[in-house]
Amino acid sequence: MAIKRQAPIEINVSLDENKIPEKIIWSAPDGGVENQEAKAMLLSFWDGINKESLRMDLWVKEMPIDEMKLFFHQSLLSMSDSFYKAIQDEKMAATMKDFCEYFAEKMELKKL
């Protein structure tokens, strides 16, 4: 099957002299995103040949801890939603959401 269209996604990371991220800028024109600054990213791909995930996790050195906690919490919630959409396993998705509530409690996110 021939590819009919491509939708580019671009990520540019500015590094300091020690190769630590200082700035992350991304664009996804089909999604209406142009040169959006981000403080962190979690990027995962599935390698179907080797049956393993490939990932790249980056955050800028000025990322505040309280924002990092929120970022992980929201990422976990999003993964729960994506898991349900992909697998349709309500029981496990609910269990994942329960963990997200536990995570928020232990990270004291309700206080932020």
PDB file of N, CA and C in Angstrom:
ATOM      1  N   MET A   1       0.845  -1.176   0.000  1.00  0.00           N
ATOM      2  CA  MET A   1       0.000   0.000   0.000  1.00  0.00           C
ATOM      3  C   MET A   1       0.891   1.240   0.000  1.00  0.00           C
ATOM      4  N   ALA A   2       0.642   2.146  -0.901  1.00  0.00           N
ATOM      5  CA  ALA A   2       1.433   3.367  -1.025  1.00  0.00           C
ATOM      6  C   ALA A   2       0.999   4.387   0.026  1.00  0.00           C
ATOM      7  N   ILE A   3       1.964   5.142   0.508  1.00  0.00           N
ATOM      8  CA  ILE A   3       1.675   6.226   1.452  1.00  0.00           C
ATOM      9  C   ILE A   3       1.035   7.362   0.668  1.00  0.00           C
ATOM     10  N   LYS A   4      -0.144   7.776   1.098  1.00  0.00           N
ATOM     11  CA  LYS A   4      -0.872   8.827   0.396  1.00  0.00           C
ATOM     12  C   LYS A   4      -0.449  10.213   0.836  1.00  0.00           C
ATOM     13  N   ARG A   5      -0.091  10.326   2.116  1.00  0.00           N
ATOM     14  CA  ARG A   5       0.218  11.643   2.660  1.00  0.00           C
ATOM     15  C   ARG A   5       1.079  11.474   3.898  1.00  0.00           C
ATOM     16  N   GLN A   6       1.917  12.419   4.165  1.00  0.00           N
ATOM     17  CA  GLN A   6       2.713  12.403   5.382  1.00  0.00           C
ATOM     18  C   GLN A   6       2.384  13.631   6.213  1.00  0.00           C
ATOM     19  N   ALA A   7       2.401  13.449   7.539  1.00  0.00           N
ATOM     20  CA  ALA A   7       2.137  14.546   8.466  1.00  0.00           C
ATOM     21  C   ALA A   7       3.390  14.714   9.327  1.00  0.00           C
ATOM     22  N   PRO A   8       4.210  15.709   9.019  1.00  0.00           N
ATOM     23  CA  PRO A   8       5.471  15.864   9.752  1.00  0.00           C
ATOM     24  C   PRO A   8       5.273  16.330  11.193  1.00  0.00           C
ATOM     25  N   ILE A   9       6.136  15.815  12.052  1.00  0.00           N
ATOM     26  CA  ILE A   9       6.252  16.271  13.432  1.00  0.00           C
ATOM     27  C   ILE A   9       7.729  16.566  13.635  1.00  0.00           C
ATOM     28  N   GLU A  10       8.029  17.759  14.111  1.00  0.00           N
ATOM     29  CA  GLU A  10       9.421  18.167  14.273  1.00  0.00           C
ATOM     30  C   GLU A  10       9.693  18.521  15.729  1.00  0.00           C
ATOM     31  N   ILE A  11      10.829  18.040  16.237  1.00  0.00           N
ATOM     32  CA  ILE A  11      11.255  18.335  17.607  1.00  0.00           C
ATOM     33  C   ILE A  11      12.679  18.858  17.543  1.00  0.00           C
ATOM     34  N   ASN A  12      12.902  20.034  18.103  1.00  0.00           N
ATOM     35  CA  ASN A  12      14.246  20.617  18.152  1.00  0.00           C
ATOM     36  C   ASN A  12      14.624  20.834  19.608  1.00  0.00           C
ATOM     37  N   VAL A  13      15.787  20.341  19.968  1.00  0.00           N
ATOM     38  CA  VAL A  13      16.263  20.434  21.344  1.00  0.00           C
ATOM     39  C   VAL A  13      17.558  21.238  21.360  1.00  0.00           C
ATOM     40  N   SER A  14      17.573  22.334  22.106  1.00  0.00           N
ATOM     41  CA  SER A  14      18.781  23.131  22.287  1.00  0.00           C
ATOM     42  C   SER A  14      19.505  22.600  23.519  1.00  0.00           C
ATOM     43  N   LEU A  15      20.797  22.324  23.368  1.00  0.00           N
ATOM     44  CA  LEU A  15      21.602  21.757  24.444  1.00  0.00           C
ATOM     45  C   LEU A  15      22.648  22.742  24.937  1.00  0.00           C
ATOM     46  N   ASP A  16      23.016  22.604  26.212  1.00  0.00           N
ATOM     47  CA  ASP A  16      24.120  23.405  26.729  1.00  0.00           C
ATOM     48  C   ASP A  16      25.441  22.702  26.391  1.00  0.00           C
ATOM     49  N   GLU A  17      26.546  23.235  26.898  1.00  0.00           N
ATOM     50  CA  GLU A  17      27.862  22.667  26.582  1.00  0.00           C
ATOM     51  C   GLU A  17      28.060  21.239  27.103  1.00  0.00           C
ATOM     52  N   ASN A  18      27.231  20.824  28.073  1.00  0.00           N
ATOM     53  CA  ASN A  18      27.298  19.465  28.618  1.00  0.00           C
ATOM     54  C   ASN A  18      26.232  18.545  28.019  1.00  0.00           C
ATOM     55  N   LYS A  19      25.610  18.999  26.936  1.00  0.00           N
ATOM     56  CA  LYS A  19      24.562  18.256  26.238  1.00  0.00           C
ATOM     57  C   LYS A  19      23.310  18.032  27.094  1.00  0.00           C
ATOM     58  N   ILE A  20      23.030  18.976  27.985  1.00  0.00           N
ATOM     59  CA  ILE A  20      21.821  18.965  28.809  1.00  0.00           C
ATOM     60  C   ILE A  20      20.781  19.853  28.111  1.00  0.00           C
ATOM     61  N   PRO A  21      19.557  19.358  27.926  1.00  0.00           N
ATOM     62  CA  PRO A  21      18.537  20.174  27.250  1.00  0.00           C
ATOM     63  C   PRO A  21      18.246  21.484  27.983  1.00  0.00           C
ATOM     64  N   GLU A  22      18.247  22.559  27.210  1.00  0.00           N
ATOM     65  CA  GLU A  22      17.893  23.879  27.745  1.00  0.00           C
ATOM     66  C   GLU A  22      16.544  24.341  27.205  1.00  0.00           C
ATOM     67  N   LYS A  23      16.201  23.885  25.989  1.00  0.00           N
ATOM     68  CA  LYS A  23      14.957  24.319  25.359  1.00  0.00           C
ATOM     69  C   LYS A  23      14.474  23.209  24.422  1.00  0.00           C
ATOM     70  N   ILE A  24      13.174  22.967  24.467  1.00  0.00           N
ATOM     71  CA  ILE A  24      12.540  22.010  23.558  1.00  0.00           C
ATOM     72  C   ILE A  24      11.456  22.771  22.793  1.00  0.00           C
ATOM     73  N   ILE A  25      11.539  22.723  21.475  1.00  0.00           N
ATOM     74  CA  ILE A  25      10.551  23.370  20.605  1.00  0.00           C
ATOM     75  C   ILE A  25      10.010  22.302  19.661  1.00  0.00           C
ATOM     76  N   TRP A  26       8.682  22.225  19.549  1.00  0.00           N
ATOM     77  CA  TRP A  26       8.116  21.224  18.649  1.00  0.00           C
ATOM     78  C   TRP A  26       7.031  21.821  17.780  1.00  0.00           C
ATOM     79  N   SER A  27       6.833  21.181  16.632  1.00  0.00           N
ATOM     80  CA  SER A  27       5.809  21.596  15.675  1.00  0.00           C
ATOM     81  C   SER A  27       5.116  20.358  15.115  1.00  0.00           C
ATOM     82  N   ALA A  28       3.824  20.471  14.937  1.00  0.00           N
ATOM     83  CA  ALA A  28       3.004  19.451  14.275  1.00  0.00           C
ATOM     84  C   ALA A  28       1.941  20.216  13.489  1.00  0.00           C
ATOM     85  N   PRO A  29       2.309  20.688  12.299  1.00  0.00           N
ATOM     86  CA  PRO A  29       1.420  21.567  11.539  1.00  0.00           C
ATOM     87  C   PRO A  29       0.011  21.015  11.337  1.00  0.00           C
ATOM     88  N   ASP A  30      -0.132  19.707  11.121  1.00  0.00           N
ATOM     89  CA  ASP A  30      -1.473  19.139  10.924  1.00  0.00           C
ATOM     90  C   ASP A  30      -2.310  19.208  12.200  1.00  0.00           C
ATOM     91  N   GLY A  31      -1.654  19.323  13.340  1.00  0.00           N
ATOM     92  CA  GLY A  31      -2.359  19.440  14.615  1.00  0.00           C
ATOM     93  C   GLY A  31      -2.479  20.878  15.089  1.00  0.00           C
ATOM     94  N   GLY A  32      -2.022  21.817  14.258  1.00  0.00           N
ATOM     95  CA  GLY A  32      -2.126  23.226  14.607  1.00  0.00           C
ATOM     96  C   GLY A  32      -1.059  23.711  15.574  1.00  0.00           C
ATOM     97  N   VAL A  33       0.056  22.971  15.675  1.00  0.00           N
ATOM     98  CA  VAL A  33       1.131  23.345  16.599  1.00  0.00           C
ATOM     99  C   VAL A  33       2.324  23.840  15.782  1.00  0.00           C
ATOM    100  N   GLU A  34       2.759  25.044  16.067  1.00  0.00           N
ATOM    101  CA  GLU A  34       3.919  25.633  15.384  1.00  0.00           C
ATOM    102  C   GLU A  34       4.872  26.215  16.413  1.00  0.00           C
ATOM    103  N   ASN A  35       6.060  25.694  16.474  1.00  0.00           N
ATOM    104  CA  ASN A  35       7.117  26.205  17.351  1.00  0.00           C
ATOM    105  C   ASN A  35       6.647  26.395  18.792  1.00  0.00           C
ATOM    106  N   GLN A  36       6.035  25.363  19.331  1.00  0.00           N
ATOM    107  CA  GLN A  36       5.547  25.378  20.710  1.00  0.00           C
ATOM    108  C   GLN A  36       6.687  24.981  21.647  1.00  0.00           C
ATOM    109  N   GLU A  37       6.922  25.789  22.674  1.00  0.00           N
ATOM    110  CA  GLU A  37       7.959  25.457  23.646  1.00  0.00           C
ATOM    111  C   GLU A  37       7.415  24.456  24.654  1.00  0.00           C
ATOM    112  N   ALA A  38       8.249  23.526  25.055  1.00  0.00           N
ATOM    113  CA  ALA A  38       7.893  22.521  26.057  1.00  0.00           C
ATOM    114  C   ALA A  38       9.050  22.392  27.036  1.00  0.00           C
ATOM    115  N   LYS A  39       8.739  22.000  28.262  1.00  0.00           N
ATOM    116  CA  LYS A  39       9.774  21.803  29.272  1.00  0.00           C
ATOM    117  C   LYS A  39      10.177  20.343  29.395  1.00  0.00           C
ATOM    118  N   ALA A  40       9.326  19.427  28.885  1.00  0.00           N
ATOM    119  CA  ALA A  40       9.628  17.999  28.992  1.00  0.00           C
ATOM    120  C   ALA A  40       8.905  17.243  27.892  1.00  0.00           C
ATOM    121  N   MET A  41       9.406  16.034  27.604  1.00  0.00           N
ATOM    122  CA  MET A  41       8.753  15.168  26.627  1.00  0.00           C
ATOM    123  C   MET A  41       9.059  13.713  26.948  1.00  0.00           C
ATOM    124  N   LEU A  42       8.082  12.866  26.688  1.00  0.00           N
ATOM    125  CA  LEU A  42       8.239  11.418  26.771  1.00  0.00           C
ATOM    126  C   LEU A  42       7.821  10.897  25.408  1.00  0.00           C
ATOM    127  N   LEU A  43       8.742  10.298  24.686  1.00  0.00           N
ATOM    128  CA  LEU A  43       8.472   9.835  23.326  1.00  0.00           C
ATOM    129  C   LEU A  43       8.725   8.338  23.269  1.00  0.00           C
ATOM    130  N   SER A  44       7.733   7.579  22.811  1.00  0.00           N
ATOM    131  CA  SER A  44       7.864   6.127  22.731  1.00  0.00           C
ATOM    132  C   SER A  44       7.481   5.636  21.348  1.00  0.00           C
ATOM    133  N   PHE A  45       8.214   4.648  20.868  1.00  0.00           N
ATOM    134  CA  PHE A  45       7.911   3.967  19.614  1.00  0.00           C
ATOM    135  C   PHE A  45       7.908   2.474  19.878  1.00  0.00           C
ATOM    136  N   TRP A  46       7.118   1.733  19.109  1.00  0.00           N
ATOM    137  CA  TRP A  46       7.097   0.286  19.226  1.00  0.00           C
ATOM    138  C   TRP A  46       7.881  -0.313  18.065  1.00  0.00           C
ATOM    139  N   ASP A  47       8.908  -1.087  18.402  1.00  0.00           N
ATOM    140  CA  ASP A  47       9.692  -1.820  17.417  1.00  0.00           C
ATOM    141  C   ASP A  47       9.050  -3.199  17.274  1.00  0.00           C
ATOM    142  N   GLY A  48       8.252  -3.369  16.238  1.00  0.00           N
ATOM    143  CA  GLY A  48       7.527  -4.613  16.033  1.00  0.00           C
ATOM    144  C   GLY A  48       8.419  -5.797  15.694  1.00  0.00           C
ATOM    145  N   ILE A  49       9.582  -5.533  15.148  1.00  0.00           N
ATOM    146  CA  ILE A  49      10.501  -6.622  14.812  1.00  0.00           C
ATOM    147  C   ILE A  49      11.117  -7.209  16.073  1.00  0.00           C
ATOM    148  N   ASN A  50      11.636  -6.352  16.930  1.00  0.00           N
ATOM    149  CA  ASN A  50      12.282  -6.812  18.166  1.00  0.00           C
ATOM    150  C   ASN A  50      11.323  -6.914  19.352  1.00  0.00           C
ATOM    151  N   LYS A  51      10.066  -6.511  19.139  1.00  0.00           N
ATOM    152  CA  LYS A  51       9.040  -6.561  20.197  1.00  0.00           C
ATOM    153  C   LYS A  51       9.484  -5.828  21.457  1.00  0.00           C
ATOM    154  N   GLU A  52       9.889  -4.574  21.261  1.00  0.00           N
ATOM    155  CA  GLU A  52      10.295  -3.752  22.400  1.00  0.00           C
ATOM    156  C   GLU A  52       9.996  -2.292  22.122  1.00  0.00           C
ATOM    157  N   SER A  53       9.826  -1.551  23.209  1.00  0.00           N
ATOM    158  CA  SER A  53       9.585  -0.120  23.049  1.00  0.00           C
ATOM    159  C   SER A  53      10.919   0.617  23.029  1.00  0.00           C
ATOM    160  N   LEU A  54      10.944   1.652  22.226  1.00  0.00           N
ATOM    161  CA  LEU A  54      12.099   2.539  22.104  1.00  0.00           C
ATOM    162  C   LEU A  54      11.640   3.894  22.622  1.00  0.00           C
ATOM    163  N   ARG A  55      12.410   4.489  23.508  1.00  0.00           N
ATOM    164  CA  ARG A  55      11.944   5.726  24.115  1.00  0.00           C
ATOM    165  C   ARG A  55      13.032   6.777  24.205  1.00  0.00           C
ATOM    166  N   MET A  56      12.544   7.987  24.325  1.00  0.00           N
ATOM    167  CA  MET A  56      13.398   9.134  24.552  1.00  0.00           C
ATOM    168  C   MET A  56      12.677  10.039  25.536  1.00  0.00           C
ATOM    169  N   ASP A  57      13.243  10.206  26.714  1.00  0.00           N
ATOM    170  CA  ASP A  57      12.663  11.062  27.748  1.00  0.00           C
ATOM    171  C   ASP A  57      13.608  12.236  27.970  1.00  0.00           C
ATOM    172  N   LEU A  58      13.104  13.430  27.763  1.00  0.00           N
ATOM    173  CA  LEU A  58      13.926  14.634  27.924  1.00  0.00           C
ATOM    174  C   LEU A  58      13.179  15.673  28.734  1.00  0.00           C
ATOM    175  N   TRP A  59      13.921  16.431  29.507  1.00  0.00           N
ATOM    176  CA  TRP A  59      13.360  17.595  30.182  1.00  0.00           C
ATOM    177  C   TRP A  59      14.454  18.636  30.304  1.00  0.00           C
ATOM    178  N   VAL A  60      14.040  19.896  30.294  1.00  0.00           N
ATOM    179  CA  VAL A  60      15.011  20.985  30.387  1.00  0.00           C
ATOM    180  C   VAL A  60      15.526  21.073  31.822  1.00  0.00           C
ATOM    181  N   LYS A  61      16.739  21.570  31.955  1.00  0.00           N
ATOM    182  CA  LYS A  61      17.362  21.604  33.282  1.00  0.00           C
ATOM    183  C   LYS A  61      16.645  22.539  34.248  1.00  0.00           C
ATOM    184  N   GLU A  62      15.831  23.440  33.739  1.00  0.00           N
ATOM    185  CA  GLU A  62      15.089  24.366  34.596  1.00  0.00           C
ATOM    186  C   GLU A  62      13.667  23.879  34.890  1.00  0.00           C
ATOM    187  N   MET A  63      13.382  22.604  34.628  1.00  0.00           N
ATOM    188  CA  MET A  63      12.043  22.057  34.893  1.00  0.00           C
ATOM    189  C   MET A  63      11.827  21.964  36.404  1.00  0.00           C
ATOM    190  N   PRO A  64      10.837  22.693  36.944  1.00  0.00           N
ATOM    191  CA  PRO A  64      10.574  22.635  38.388  1.00  0.00           C
ATOM    192  C   PRO A  64      10.032  21.255  38.800  1.00  0.00           C
ATOM    193  N   ILE A  65      10.403  20.821  39.984  1.00  0.00           N
ATOM    194  CA  ILE A  65       9.987  19.515  40.491  1.00  0.00           C
ATOM    195  C   ILE A  65       8.459  19.404  40.554  1.00  0.00           C
ATOM    196  N   ASP A  66       7.772  20.453  41.016  1.00  0.00           N
ATOM    197  CA  ASP A  66       6.312  20.367  41.116  1.00  0.00           C
ATOM    198  C   ASP A  66       5.669  20.196  39.744  1.00  0.00           C
ATOM    199  N   GLU A  67       6.238  20.819  38.703  1.00  0.00           N
ATOM    200  CA  GLU A  67       5.721  20.647  37.349  1.00  0.00           C
ATOM    201  C   GLU A  67       6.044  19.250  36.828  1.00  0.00           C
ATOM    202  N   MET A  68       7.209  18.705  37.198  1.00  0.00           N
ATOM    203  CA  MET A  68       7.576  17.353  36.772  1.00  0.00           C
ATOM    204  C   MET A  68       6.597  16.337  37.359  1.00  0.00           C
ATOM    205  N   LYS A  69       6.217  16.517  38.618  1.00  0.00           N
ATOM    206  CA  LYS A  69       5.238  15.621  39.244  1.00  0.00           C
ATOM    207  C   LYS A  69       3.905  15.676  38.490  1.00  0.00           C
ATOM    208  N   LEU A  70       3.452  16.886  38.165  1.00  0.00           N
ATOM    209  CA  LEU A  70       2.203  17.034  37.412  1.00  0.00           C
ATOM    210  C   LEU A  70       2.316  16.419  36.025  1.00  0.00           C
ATOM    211  N   PHE A  71       3.461  16.625  35.384  1.00  0.00           N
ATOM    212  CA  PHE A  71       3.693  16.075  34.049  1.00  0.00           C
ATOM    213  C   PHE A  71       3.587  14.553  34.064  1.00  0.00           C
ATOM    214  N   PHE A  72       4.224  13.914  35.037  1.00  0.00           N
ATOM    215  CA  PHE A  72       4.146  12.460  35.118  1.00  0.00           C
ATOM    216  C   PHE A  72       2.730  12.003  35.437  1.00  0.00           C
ATOM    217  N   HIS A  73       2.054  12.688  36.330  1.00  0.00           N
ATOM    218  CA  HIS A  73       0.680  12.316  36.667  1.00  0.00           C
ATOM    219  C   HIS A  73      -0.218  12.403  35.438  1.00  0.00           C
ATOM    220  N   GLN A  74      -0.141  13.510  34.729  1.00  0.00           N
ATOM    221  CA  GLN A  74      -0.969  13.679  33.537  1.00  0.00           C
ATOM    222  C   GLN A  74      -0.592  12.679  32.443  1.00  0.00           C
ATOM    223  N   SER A  75       0.693  12.348  32.341  1.00  0.00           N
ATOM    224  CA  SER A  75       1.136  11.347  31.357  1.00  0.00           C
ATOM    225  C   SER A  75       0.577   9.974  31.698  1.00  0.00           C
ATOM    226  N   LEU A  76       0.591   9.621  32.981  1.00  0.00           N
ATOM    227  CA  LEU A  76       0.030   8.335  33.405  1.00  0.00           C
ATOM    228  C   LEU A  76      -1.476   8.273  33.130  1.00  0.00           C
ATOM    229  N   LEU A  77      -2.191   9.362  33.413  1.00  0.00           N
ATOM    230  CA  LEU A  77      -3.629   9.408  33.113  1.00  0.00           C
ATOM    231  C   LEU A  77      -3.874   9.250  31.615  1.00  0.00           C
ATOM    232  N   SER A  78      -3.065   9.921  30.825  1.00  0.00           N
ATOM    233  CA  SER A  78      -3.198   9.832  29.371  1.00  0.00           C
ATOM    234  C   SER A  78      -2.913   8.412  28.877  1.00  0.00           C
ATOM    235  N   MET A  79      -1.916   7.763  29.470  1.00  0.00           N
ATOM    236  CA  MET A  79      -1.626   6.376  29.096  1.00  0.00           C
ATOM    237  C   MET A  79      -2.788   5.462  29.447  1.00  0.00           C
ATOM    238  N   SER A  80      -3.452   5.718  30.559  1.00  0.00           N
ATOM    239  CA  SER A  80      -4.631   4.937  30.938  1.00  0.00           C
ATOM    240  C   SER A  80      -5.726   5.073  29.878  1.00  0.00           C
ATOM    241  N   ASP A  81      -5.962   6.302  29.431  1.00  0.00           N
ATOM    242  CA  ASP A  81      -6.964   6.542  28.395  1.00  0.00           C
ATOM    243  C   ASP A  81      -6.569   5.871  27.083  1.00  0.00           C
ATOM    244  N   SER A  82      -5.298   5.998  26.707  1.00  0.00           N
ATOM    245  CA  SER A  82      -4.820   5.384  25.465  1.00  0.00           C
ATOM    246  C   SER A  82      -4.911   3.866  25.528  1.00  0.00           C
ATOM    247  N   PHE A  83      -4.580   3.301  26.696  1.00  0.00           N
ATOM    248  CA  PHE A  83      -4.667   1.862  26.883  1.00  0.00           C
ATOM    249  C   PHE A  83      -6.101   1.394  26.656  1.00  0.00           C
ATOM    250  N   TYR A  84      -7.060   2.118  27.240  1.00  0.00           N
ATOM    251  CA  TYR A  84      -8.461   1.738  27.063  1.00  0.00           C
ATOM    252  C   TYR A  84      -8.878   1.828  25.594  1.00  0.00           C
ATOM    253  N   LYS A  85      -8.500   2.921  24.922  1.00  0.00           N
ATOM    254  CA  LYS A  85      -8.857   3.082  23.508  1.00  0.00           C
ATOM    255  C   LYS A  85      -8.275   1.958  22.655  1.00  0.00           C
ATOM    256  N   ALA A  86      -7.060   1.523  22.977  1.00  0.00           N
ATOM    257  CA  ALA A  86      -6.381   0.507  22.170  1.00  0.00           C
ATOM    258  C   ALA A  86      -6.841  -0.915  22.487  1.00  0.00           C
ATOM    259  N   ILE A  87      -7.095  -1.210  23.769  1.00  0.00           N
ATOM    260  CA  ILE A  87      -7.344  -2.585  24.209  1.00  0.00           C
ATOM    261  C   ILE A  87      -8.807  -2.841  24.581  1.00  0.00           C
ATOM    262  N   GLN A  88      -9.524  -1.792  24.988  1.00  0.00           N
ATOM    263  CA  GLN A  88     -10.916  -1.899  25.443  1.00  0.00           C
ATOM    264  C   GLN A  88     -11.055  -2.762  26.706  1.00  0.00           C
ATOM    265  N   ASP A  89     -10.050  -2.739  27.564  1.00  0.00           N
ATOM    266  CA  ASP A  89     -10.082  -3.494  28.819  1.00  0.00           C
ATOM    267  C   ASP A  89     -10.455  -2.522  29.937  1.00  0.00           C
ATOM    268  N   GLU A  90     -11.752  -2.456  30.245  1.00  0.00           N
ATOM    269  CA  GLU A  90     -12.250  -1.502  31.239  1.00  0.00           C
ATOM    270  C   GLU A  90     -11.660  -1.745  32.624  1.00  0.00           C
ATOM    271  N   LYS A  91     -11.560  -3.015  33.016  1.00  0.00           N
ATOM    272  CA  LYS A  91     -11.078  -3.341  34.353  1.00  0.00           C
ATOM    273  C   LYS A  91      -9.628  -2.879  34.547  1.00  0.00           C
ATOM    274  N   MET A  92      -8.769  -3.165  33.591  1.00  0.00           N
ATOM    275  CA  MET A  92      -7.368  -2.752  33.732  1.00  0.00           C
ATOM    276  C   MET A  92      -7.232  -1.241  33.623  1.00  0.00           C
ATOM    277  N   ALA A  93      -8.001  -0.614  32.748  1.00  0.00           N
ATOM    278  CA  ALA A  93      -7.955   0.853  32.635  1.00  0.00           C
ATOM    279  C   ALA A  93      -8.371   1.493  33.960  1.00  0.00           C
ATOM    280  N   ALA A  94      -9.385   0.935  34.605  1.00  0.00           N
ATOM    281  CA  ALA A  94      -9.823   1.449  35.909  1.00  0.00           C
ATOM    282  C   ALA A  94      -8.732   1.242  36.956  1.00  0.00           C
ATOM    283  N   THR A  95      -8.058   0.114  36.899  1.00  0.00           N
ATOM    284  CA  THR A  95      -6.951  -0.154  37.827  1.00  0.00           C
ATOM    285  C   THR A  95      -5.823   0.851  37.615  1.00  0.00           C
ATOM    286  N   MET A  96      -5.550   1.171  36.363  1.00  0.00           N
ATOM    287  CA  MET A  96      -4.521   2.166  36.059  1.00  0.00           C
ATOM    288  C   MET A  96      -4.929   3.536  36.603  1.00  0.00           C
ATOM    289  N   LYS A  97      -6.192   3.885  36.460  1.00  0.00           N
ATOM    290  CA  LYS A  97      -6.690   5.172  36.987  1.00  0.00           C
ATOM    291  C   LYS A  97      -6.590   5.196  38.513  1.00  0.00           C
ATOM    292  N   ASP A  98      -6.863   4.045  39.148  1.00  0.00           N
ATOM    293  CA  ASP A  98      -6.710   3.956  40.602  1.00  0.00           C
ATOM    294  C   ASP A  98      -5.269   4.248  41.000  1.00  0.00           C
ATOM    295  N   PHE A  99      -4.326   3.691  40.233  1.00  0.00           N
ATOM    296  CA  PHE A  99      -2.922   3.969  40.522  1.00  0.00           C
ATOM    297  C   PHE A  99      -2.631   5.462  40.364  1.00  0.00           C
ATOM    298  N   CYS A 100      -3.223   6.088  39.361  1.00  0.00           N
ATOM    299  CA  CYS A 100      -3.016   7.528  39.147  1.00  0.00           C
ATOM    300  C   CYS A 100      -3.497   8.335  40.345  1.00  0.00           C
ATOM    301  N   GLU A 101      -4.608   7.920  40.926  1.00  0.00           N
ATOM    302  CA  GLU A 101      -5.102   8.589  42.136  1.00  0.00           C
ATOM    303  C   GLU A 101      -4.122   8.389  43.290  1.00  0.00           C
ATOM    304  N   TYR A 102      -3.619   7.175  43.428  1.00  0.00           N
ATOM    305  CA  TYR A 102      -2.627   6.853  44.462  1.00  0.00           C
ATOM    306  C   TYR A 102      -1.359   7.692  44.255  1.00  0.00           C
ATOM    307  N   PHE A 103      -0.912   7.779  43.013  1.00  0.00           N
ATOM    308  CA  PHE A 103       0.270   8.565  42.663  1.00  0.00           C
ATOM    309  C   PHE A 103       0.065  10.029  43.065  1.00  0.00           C
ATOM    310  N   ALA A 104      -1.105  10.593  42.715  1.00  0.00           N
ATOM    311  CA  ALA A 104      -1.411  11.992  43.038  1.00  0.00           C
ATOM    312  C   ALA A 104      -1.407  12.209  44.547  1.00  0.00           C
ATOM    313  N   GLU A 105      -1.945  11.250  45.275  1.00  0.00           N
ATOM    314  CA  GLU A 105      -1.970  11.356  46.733  1.00  0.00           C
ATOM    315  C   GLU A 105      -0.553  11.320  47.308  1.00  0.00           C
ATOM    316  N   LYS A 106       0.253  10.361  46.871  1.00  0.00           N
ATOM    317  CA  LYS A 106       1.613  10.213  47.396  1.00  0.00           C
ATOM    318  C   LYS A 106       2.515  11.382  46.991  1.00  0.00           C
ATOM    319  N   MET A 107       2.263  11.962  45.842  1.00  0.00           N
ATOM    320  CA  MET A 107       3.042  13.119  45.382  1.00  0.00           C
ATOM    321  C   MET A 107       2.470  14.425  45.903  1.00  0.00           C
ATOM    322  N   GLU A 108       1.382  14.314  46.676  1.00  0.00           N
ATOM    323  CA  GLU A 108       0.703  15.472  47.250  1.00  0.00           C
ATOM    324  C   GLU A 108       0.287  16.483  46.186  1.00  0.00           C
ATOM    325  N   LEU A 109      -0.233  15.976  45.081  1.00  0.00           N
ATOM    326  CA  LEU A 109      -0.639  16.847  43.980  1.00  0.00           C
ATOM    327  C   LEU A 109      -1.922  17.603  44.270  1.00  0.00           C
ATOM    328  N   LYS A 110      -2.731  17.110  45.159  1.00  0.00           N
ATOM    329  CA  LYS A 110      -3.978  17.797  45.509  1.00  0.00           C
ATOM    330  C   LYS A 110      -3.681  19.146  46.164  1.00  0.00           C
ATOM    331  N   LYS A 111      -2.484  19.268  46.749  1.00  0.00           N
ATOM    332  CA  LYS A 111      -2.101  20.494  47.447  1.00  0.00           C
ATOM    333  C   LYS A 111      -1.514  21.537  46.508  1.00  0.00           C
ATOM    334  N   LEU A 112      -1.128  21.134  45.305  1.00  0.00           N
ATOM    335  CA  LEU A 112      -0.474  22.062  44.370  1.00  0.00           C
ATOM    336  C   LEU A 112      -1.487  22.970  43.706  1.00  0.00           C
TER     337      LEU A 112
END
